[in-house]
Amino acid sequence: MPFTLGDLAGLVERIAPAQLAEEWDNAGLQAGDPAAPAPRVLIGLEPEQSLIEEALERGARAIVTHHPLIFRPLRAVRADDRVGRIVLRLAREGLGLVVAHTNLDKSPAGPNAALADCLGLERRRWLKPHTESGGCKLVVFTPKGHEAAVIAALAEGGAGVIGKYTHCTFRAEGIGTYLPQEGARPYAGRPGRFEEAEEWRLEAVCPRERLPRVLELVLRQERRLMIVQIF
């Protein structure tokens, strides 16, 4: 199965969950057909005509940018307007556009975390923590035998707390399927071969303000994870 624009948007969502974005922001898939193949991707800062030209020269079928093209609902798509021109060009060329903005800034895999790593910072905290009210449900798929380590990571970050109980999760057994592509490092199997694996689906409640820390700890378990979802 080809890697699609929808797959790309899902991968970006895993790295930079949309729930982390500021209320005024607009991140995610902004243009294109989710089912369209995206075997080659170009990454840039601004969604400009020059970036589209470079994508076409390099044979890319999708673009990921840090800054959004569309911040608010469009009243019209016109060729005499900057945003309209780019939207029309993307559609004409069949290019997809995925954006990761303030959600990437707040992500434990984002540029601020990378800068902190470069500076050797150890005691880190957000100057403006993500304080969206309410909670969410975190779903993690992990191979059998690794569930204890993943549950420990969830609990350390502050997920799975219900009343006076910690480490609260629900798990269900199942069979996961996947086909690793070239360059993948699967826990089991090898690229190019369809695989089936016994795994657990783990669910835990998580306060939204704890989400960045929980994701940081859970994503450290890379070789123990199949996928992470947030609801």
Foldseek 3Di string as FASTA:
>chain_A
DACFQLNVQQVVCLQQPPLQDDPQADFTWDAADRGHGFNDEAEEADLAPVSVVVCVVVVGQEYEYQHDLDRDDDPDQDCVDRSSVSRVVCVVVRHIYGYHYSSQVLACNHDVVVVCVVVVPDDDDDPDFDQDFDKWKKKFKFAPPCVVQLLVLQQVLPWADDPPDTSHKDKDKDKDKDAADPPDDALDDDHGDIDIGIIMIIMIMHGPSSVRSSSNSNCVVVNGTDGMDID
